[in-house]
Amino acid sequence: MRRSVWLSCLGVATLLALTGAAAPTAARDLPRTYVVSAEPGVLPEGIAIHDDGTMYVSSDGTGALFRGNVRSPQLRPFAAEGTGDRPSTLGVHTDRRGRVFSVGGGELTVHDRRGHLLATRTAEAGPLGAPDLNDLVVTRDAVYVTDWANPVVHRAEIRGGRIGPLLPWLDLRPAIPGFPSQYWLLNGIVADRSGETLLVASNGTEAVWRVETATREITQLDLGDQSFGADGMVLHGRTLYAVLNYGAPHGVYVAKLDDDLRGGTVTHRLTGEGFDLPTTLARHHCRLYVVNSQLDDPPGTPPYTVTAVDDPVCERH
C-alpha cells in the first residue's frame, strides 16, 4: 500500500470485465463517493471497514486517521492517541474486537474505538536499515506487517488479546537469489481465514508471494503471464482483490484462486471508474471501497476521497 507511484504513473483506462459478466446490483442508497478530508495535503492511503460499517482511512500526508461509516459520505478526524508526531500513516485494519491497528514509519499502534492508545510496538531495523512499515494483516494469533524499505515481514504475536513485540519474522530474499534487496518494495499483505497462508505483494518483483506461516515456505502466486505488482489487497475466500498502480492500468483487479491459494486467473479489471491513483481497497458486503490517494501529484487537490464500486463477483460468494 505504498508509493509505487514514483516508479510509474500510468493513465486510467476503460472498464474491462474479462468475463463479460455484469456486476451485481449493490445497495443503491449508499454513497458512491466518500470525502475523507477537505484539508490540504492529507493524501489518503489506507482503508479498513469493520463489520458494522465503520470506516477508517489513513493519511500518508499528515499521519492522521479519519473515521466514518459506509452510510454517510463524510468522514471526520479520528482522535487516536499517540499518533500526533507520526508524519505518515499507511496500513490500517480492525480486528474482531473493533480495535484499530495502524502502521507508519517504524511503529505499529493499536487503539480502541474511542481512540485510546492500547499498544505501541516499534519494529527493528532490517538488512537495509530503518523500517518503513507499509501494510498489515491481523490473524487470530498474530499481526504481520510488511516493510517498504526492507524485504522483511515483521510479526507480533497476539496472546489473550495482548500484542507482543514486533520482530523480524521472514526475509523474502531467498525467493529470488540475487534480486536487488532495495527493490523488493513490499506492499499489501492478506491472510486466509485460518491464518495459515499469507499473500504478500512486492511492487518491485511485480508479483504476489505465498507464505506458509507454519514453515515460512515462500512461493510465487501463479497468475499466468499477468504482471501483478499489487499495492493494497483483500482476500475473500478464494477471491483476491488487488489495486494495481504500476506496470498495468490503474484500478482494481480481481483474481479467482485455486483451493490452496497457489495460483489463479484474473477474471475482472475495473480501470475506468475515475480512480485518482488508487492505493488500496476494502470490501464490505457487495461493494469495494477504493482509496484515491493523489500521490502522483502531492499535495494533491482537496477534497480527498474514497470511491465505492460494485463487487463484480459478489453473487458468487
Protein backbone atom coordinates (compact mmCIF):
# COMPACT_ATOMS: atom_id res chain seq x y z
CA MET A 1 0.00 0.00 0.00
CA ARG A 2 2.75 2.44 -0.66
CA ARG A 3 4.18 5.00 -3.00
CA SER A 4 4.60 2.79 -6.04
CA VAL A 5 3.65 5.97 -7.85
CA TRP A 6 7.24 7.18 -8.15
CA LEU A 7 8.00 4.10 -10.21
CA SER A 8 5.34 4.71 -12.81
CA CYS A 9 2.32 6.98 -13.32
CA LEU A 10 0.03 5.37 -15.83
CA GLY A 11 -3.20 6.83 -17.17
CA VAL A 12 -6.59 5.43 -16.30
CA ALA A 13 -8.01 3.13 -18.95
CA THR A 14 -11.50 1.87 -19.58
CA LEU A 15 -13.50 -0.64 -17.60
CA LEU A 16 -12.85 -4.18 -18.73
CA ALA A 17 -14.51 -7.22 -17.24
CA LEU A 18 -12.72 -10.19 -18.76
CA THR A 19 -15.67 -12.50 -18.27
CA GLY A 20 -18.13 -10.04 -19.75
CA ALA A 21 -20.40 -10.50 -16.74
CA ALA A 22 -22.27 -7.51 -15.40
CA ALA A 23 -21.69 -6.53 -11.79
CA PRO A 24 -24.48 -7.35 -9.35
CA THR A 25 -26.62 -4.54 -8.01
CA ALA A 26 -25.26 -3.07 -4.77
CA ALA A 27 -27.16 -1.08 -2.16
CA ARG A 28 -28.37 1.89 -4.19
CA ASP A 29 -28.96 4.18 -1.22
CA LEU A 30 -25.29 4.25 -0.15
CA PRO A 31 -22.90 6.99 -1.34
CA ARG A 32 -20.62 6.36 -4.27
CA THR A 33 -18.07 8.93 -3.12
CA TYR A 34 -16.82 9.47 0.43
CA VAL A 35 -14.98 12.64 1.41
CA VAL A 36 -12.07 11.80 3.70
CA SER A 37 -11.00 15.42 4.19
CA ALA A 38 -11.03 18.81 2.50
CA GLU A 39 -7.86 19.93 4.32
CA PRO A 40 -4.79 20.38 2.08
CA GLY A 41 -2.10 17.70 1.98
CA VAL A 42 -3.99 14.76 3.50
CA LEU A 43 -3.19 12.25 0.71
CA PRO A 44 -5.24 9.25 1.93
CA GLU A 45 -3.53 5.88 1.68
CA GLY A 46 -5.04 3.00 3.69
CA ILE A 47 -8.58 1.89 4.48
CA ALA A 48 -10.38 -0.54 6.76
CA ILE A 49 -14.10 -1.20 7.19
CA HIS A 50 -15.33 -3.02 10.28
CA ASP A 51 -18.26 -5.43 10.20
CA ASP A 52 -20.63 -2.71 11.45
CA GLY A 53 -19.74 -0.42 8.53
CA THR A 54 -17.33 1.83 10.44
CA MET A 55 -14.71 3.09 8.00
CA TYR A 56 -11.16 4.15 8.85
CA VAL A 57 -8.85 5.89 6.36
CA SER A 58 -5.19 6.77 6.95
CA SER A 59 -3.20 9.74 5.70
CA ASP A 60 0.22 9.41 4.12
CA GLY A 61 0.49 13.19 4.02
CA THR A 62 -0.20 14.05 7.68
CA GLY A 63 -0.23 10.78 9.64
CA ALA A 64 -3.83 11.34 10.74
CA LEU A 65 -6.62 8.78 10.86
CA PHE A 66 -10.17 9.52 9.75
CA ARG A 67 -13.38 7.70 10.67
CA GLY A 68 -16.83 7.48 9.16
CA ASN A 69 -19.49 4.97 8.17
CA VAL A 70 -20.49 3.49 4.83
CA ARG A 71 -23.94 5.09 5.28
CA SER A 72 -22.56 8.64 5.31
CA PRO A 73 -20.45 10.41 2.65
CA GLN A 74 -18.35 12.44 5.11
CA LEU A 75 -15.51 11.20 7.32
CA ARG A 76 -14.13 13.06 10.34
CA PRO A 77 -10.77 13.05 12.14
CA PHE A 78 -10.32 10.08 14.48
CA ALA A 79 -8.62 11.26 17.67
CA ALA A 80 -6.08 8.45 18.01
CA GLU A 81 -3.81 8.99 21.00
CA GLY A 82 -0.07 8.77 20.45
CA THR A 83 -0.05 9.36 16.69
CA GLY A 84 0.30 13.16 16.71
CA ASP A 85 4.01 13.03 15.95
CA ARG A 86 3.73 10.38 13.24
CA PRO A 87 4.19 12.14 9.89
CA SER A 88 2.67 9.31 7.85
CA THR A 89 0.16 6.53 8.49
CA LEU A 90 -0.23 3.82 5.86
CA GLY A 91 -1.86 0.47 6.58
CA VAL A 92 -4.93 0.39 8.83
CA HIS A 93 -7.04 -2.61 9.84
CA THR A 94 -9.52 -3.63 12.53
CA ASP A 95 -9.84 -6.91 14.40
CA ARG A 96 -12.92 -8.76 15.64
CA ARG A 97 -12.93 -6.70 18.83
CA GLY A 98 -13.09 -3.50 16.84
CA ARG A 99 -9.56 -2.46 17.78
CA VAL A 100 -7.82 -0.25 15.22
CA PHE A 101 -4.33 -1.33 14.12
CA SER A 102 -2.25 1.08 12.04
CA VAL A 103 1.36 1.45 10.91
CA GLY A 104 3.58 4.34 9.96
CA GLY A 105 7.34 4.82 9.93
CA GLY A 106 8.69 2.13 12.27
CA GLU A 107 5.64 1.89 14.56
CA LEU A 108 2.59 -0.30 14.93
CA THR A 109 -0.13 1.23 17.10
CA VAL A 110 -3.36 -0.27 18.45
CA HIS A 111 -6.34 1.85 19.55
CA ASP A 112 -9.81 1.11 20.85
CA ARG A 113 -12.92 2.50 19.17
CA ARG A 114 -12.70 5.71 21.22
CA GLY A 115 -9.11 6.37 20.13
CA HIS A 116 -7.46 5.35 23.40
CA LEU A 117 -3.97 4.00 22.81
CA LEU A 118 -3.73 0.34 23.79
CA ALA A 119 -0.28 -0.57 22.49
CA THR A 120 2.69 0.78 20.57
CA ARG A 121 5.24 -1.60 19.06
CA THR A 122 8.41 -0.49 17.30
CA ALA A 123 9.98 -2.59 14.56
CA GLU A 124 13.66 -3.41 14.50
CA ALA A 125 15.93 -2.28 11.68
CA GLY A 126 16.16 -4.61 8.71
CA PRO A 127 19.06 -5.62 6.46
CA LEU A 128 18.89 -2.27 4.65
CA GLY A 129 18.34 -0.07 7.69
CA ALA A 130 15.42 1.65 9.38
CA PRO A 131 11.98 0.11 8.79
CA ASP A 132 9.23 1.82 6.80
CA LEU A 133 6.15 -0.17 7.73
CA ASN A 134 3.61 -0.36 4.95
CA ASP A 135 0.64 -2.69 5.41
CA LEU A 136 -0.58 -5.26 7.91
CA VAL A 137 -2.96 -8.15 8.42
CA VAL A 138 -4.41 -9.33 11.71
CA THR A 139 -4.99 -13.05 12.27
CA ARG A 140 -6.20 -14.88 15.38
CA ASP A 141 -2.72 -15.23 16.83
CA ALA A 142 -0.54 -12.58 15.18
CA VAL A 143 -0.14 -9.30 13.35
CA TYR A 144 2.01 -9.50 10.20
CA VAL A 145 3.47 -6.25 8.80
CA THR A 146 5.26 -5.54 5.52
CA ASP A 147 8.26 -3.23 5.25
CA TRP A 148 8.65 -0.97 2.22
CA ALA A 149 12.31 -0.25 2.97
CA ASN A 150 13.40 -3.84 3.71
CA PRO A 151 12.46 -7.21 2.11
CA VAL A 152 11.12 -8.29 5.50
CA VAL A 153 7.78 -9.26 7.04
CA HIS A 154 7.54 -8.42 10.74
CA ARG A 155 5.33 -10.29 13.22
CA ALA A 156 3.80 -9.54 16.62
CA GLU A 157 2.19 -12.41 18.47
CA ILE A 158 -1.33 -11.99 19.87
CA ARG A 159 -1.98 -13.98 23.03
CA GLY A 160 -5.02 -13.43 25.22
CA GLY A 161 -5.66 -10.22 23.30
CA ARG A 162 -2.23 -8.83 24.19
CA ILE A 163 0.15 -7.71 21.46
CA GLY A 164 3.71 -8.99 21.75
CA PRO A 165 6.88 -7.31 20.47
CA LEU A 166 7.13 -6.61 16.75
CA LEU A 167 10.00 -8.74 15.47
CA PRO A 168 11.53 -9.57 12.07
CA TRP A 169 9.86 -12.80 11.01
CA LEU A 170 10.61 -13.50 7.35
CA ASP A 171 13.27 -12.33 4.90
CA LEU A 172 11.93 -12.82 1.36
CA ARG A 173 15.26 -12.51 -0.47
CA PRO A 174 15.89 -16.28 -0.73
CA ALA A 175 12.83 -16.48 -3.03
CA ILE A 176 14.85 -14.74 -5.78
CA PRO A 177 18.57 -15.08 -5.07
CA GLY A 178 20.48 -12.13 -6.46
CA PHE A 179 17.49 -9.83 -6.86
CA PRO A 180 18.48 -6.35 -5.56
CA SER A 181 17.41 -6.11 -1.93
CA GLN A 182 16.32 -2.49 -2.20
CA TYR A 183 13.82 -3.22 -4.96
CA TRP A 184 11.54 -5.73 -3.22
CA LEU A 185 9.25 -2.83 -2.15
CA LEU A 186 6.77 -4.83 -0.08
CA ASN A 187 3.21 -3.57 -0.18
CA GLY A 188 -0.09 -5.26 0.66
CA ILE A 189 -0.48 -8.38 2.79
CA VAL A 190 -3.51 -10.61 3.38
CA ALA A 191 -4.19 -13.92 5.11
CA ASP A 192 -6.65 -16.76 4.63
CA ARG A 193 -9.30 -17.34 7.29
CA SER A 194 -7.17 -19.81 9.21
CA GLY A 195 -4.13 -17.54 9.25
CA GLU A 196 -2.05 -20.40 7.87
CA THR A 197 -1.34 -18.78 4.48
CA LEU A 198 -0.23 -15.24 3.72
CA LEU A 199 -0.11 -13.46 0.37
CA VAL A 200 2.49 -10.67 0.22
CA ALA A 201 2.61 -8.16 -2.62
CA SER A 202 6.00 -6.99 -3.88
CA ASN A 203 5.85 -3.99 -6.15
CA GLY A 204 9.47 -4.38 -7.19
CA THR A 205 9.20 -8.01 -8.29
CA GLU A 206 5.75 -7.35 -9.82
CA ALA A 207 4.48 -10.46 -8.06
CA VAL A 208 2.49 -11.75 -5.10
CA TRP A 209 4.27 -14.22 -2.83
CA ARG A 210 2.57 -17.06 -0.95
CA VAL A 211 3.90 -17.82 2.53
CA GLU A 212 3.05 -20.76 4.79
CA THR A 213 3.08 -19.39 8.33
CA ALA A 214 3.98 -22.77 9.90
CA THR A 215 7.04 -23.42 7.72
CA ARG A 216 7.74 -19.94 6.26
CA GLU A 217 7.91 -21.55 2.81
CA ILE A 218 7.83 -18.89 0.07
CA THR A 219 6.44 -19.49 -3.43
CA GLN A 220 5.23 -17.12 -6.12
CA LEU A 221 1.49 -16.94 -6.72
CA ASP A 222 0.99 -18.19 -10.28
CA LEU A 223 -1.30 -15.86 -12.23
CA GLY A 224 -0.03 -16.87 -15.65
CA ASP A 225 1.52 -14.12 -17.73
CA GLN A 226 -0.25 -11.36 -15.79
CA SER A 227 2.09 -8.78 -14.27
CA PHE A 228 0.78 -8.36 -10.75
CA GLY A 229 2.76 -5.78 -8.84
CA ALA A 230 -0.11 -5.16 -6.44
CA ASP A 231 -0.37 -2.39 -3.90
CA GLY A 232 -3.21 -2.99 -1.39
CA MET A 233 -5.14 -6.28 -1.44
CA VAL A 234 -8.20 -8.02 0.02
CA LEU A 235 -8.66 -11.79 0.19
CA HIS A 236 -12.22 -13.06 0.50
CA GLY A 237 -12.39 -16.84 0.40
CA ARG A 238 -10.59 -17.74 -2.83
CA THR A 239 -11.12 -14.34 -4.45
CA LEU A 240 -8.19 -11.91 -4.42
CA TYR A 241 -8.94 -8.22 -4.97
CA ALA A 242 -5.88 -6.08 -5.67
CA VAL A 243 -5.18 -2.46 -6.54
CA LEU A 244 -2.57 -2.05 -9.27
CA ASN A 245 -0.95 1.29 -10.00
CA TYR A 246 2.35 0.20 -11.51
CA GLY A 247 3.02 -1.91 -14.59
CA ALA A 248 -0.66 -2.02 -15.59
CA PRO A 249 -3.59 0.39 -15.99
CA HIS A 250 -4.58 1.77 -12.60
CA GLY A 251 -7.53 0.07 -10.96
CA VAL A 252 -8.92 -2.96 -9.16
CA TYR A 253 -8.01 -6.42 -10.44
CA VAL A 254 -9.93 -9.49 -9.32
CA ALA A 255 -8.43 -12.99 -9.45
CA LYS A 256 -10.03 -16.33 -8.72
CA LEU A 257 -7.54 -18.54 -6.88
CA ASP A 258 -7.33 -22.30 -6.56
CA ASP A 259 -8.14 -24.15 -3.35
CA ASP A 260 -4.66 -23.94 -1.84
CA LEU A 261 -4.04 -20.34 -2.97
CA ARG A 262 -1.08 -21.26 -5.14
CA GLY A 263 -2.36 -19.91 -8.44
CA GLY A 264 -5.36 -18.49 -10.22
CA THR A 265 -6.75 -16.41 -13.04
CA VAL A 266 -7.50 -12.71 -13.30
CA THR A 267 -11.20 -12.50 -14.15
CA HIS A 268 -12.04 -8.81 -13.89
CA ARG A 269 -10.28 -5.47 -14.28
CA LEU A 270 -12.00 -2.31 -13.08
CA THR A 271 -9.95 0.50 -14.56
CA GLY A 272 -12.49 3.05 -15.72
CA GLU A 273 -14.12 4.25 -12.53
CA GLY A 274 -12.43 7.64 -12.30
CA PHE A 275 -9.92 6.49 -9.70
CA ASP A 276 -7.26 9.04 -8.78
CA LEU A 277 -4.11 6.98 -8.24
CA PRO A 278 -5.75 4.23 -6.15
CA THR A 279 -3.57 2.66 -3.46
CA THR A 280 -5.75 0.09 -1.71
CA LEU A 281 -9.29 -1.05 -1.05
CA ALA A 282 -11.68 -2.58 1.44
CA ARG A 283 -14.61 -4.91 0.83
CA HIS A 284 -17.92 -4.60 2.69
CA HIS A 285 -20.96 -6.62 1.64
CA CYS A 286 -21.26 -6.27 -2.14
CA ARG A 287 -19.13 -3.17 -2.58
CA LEU A 288 -15.44 -2.32 -2.95
CA TYR A 289 -14.14 0.91 -1.40
CA VAL A 290 -11.10 2.27 -3.24
CA VAL A 291 -8.78 4.97 -1.86
CA ASN A 292 -7.95 7.84 -4.24
CA SER A 293 -4.51 8.83 -2.96
CA GLN A 294 -3.43 11.57 -5.41
CA LEU A 295 0.13 10.54 -4.52
CA ASP A 296 1.24 11.03 -8.11
CA ASP A 297 0.88 14.81 -7.67
CA PRO A 298 1.42 15.70 -4.00
CA PRO A 299 -0.08 17.50 -2.14
CA GLY A 300 -2.98 16.79 -4.45
CA THR A 301 -6.20 18.75 -4.64
CA PRO A 302 -8.86 18.60 -1.91
CA PRO A 303 -11.27 17.03 -1.31
CA TYR A 304 -9.59 13.65 -0.86
CA THR A 305 -11.96 10.79 -1.50
CA VAL A 306 -12.82 7.10 -1.46
CA THR A 307 -14.77 5.69 -4.40
CA ALA A 308 -17.26 2.84 -3.94
CA VAL A 309 -17.90 0.40 -6.79
CA ASP A 310 -19.93 -2.78 -7.08
CA ASP A 311 -18.11 -6.03 -6.40
CA PRO A 312 -18.29 -7.77 -9.80
CA VAL A 313 -18.20 -11.26 -8.28
CA CYS A 314 -20.24 -10.73 -5.12
CA GLU A 315 -23.06 -13.01 -6.26
CA ARG A 316 -20.60 -15.92 -6.42
CA HIS A 317 -19.65 -15.80 -2.71
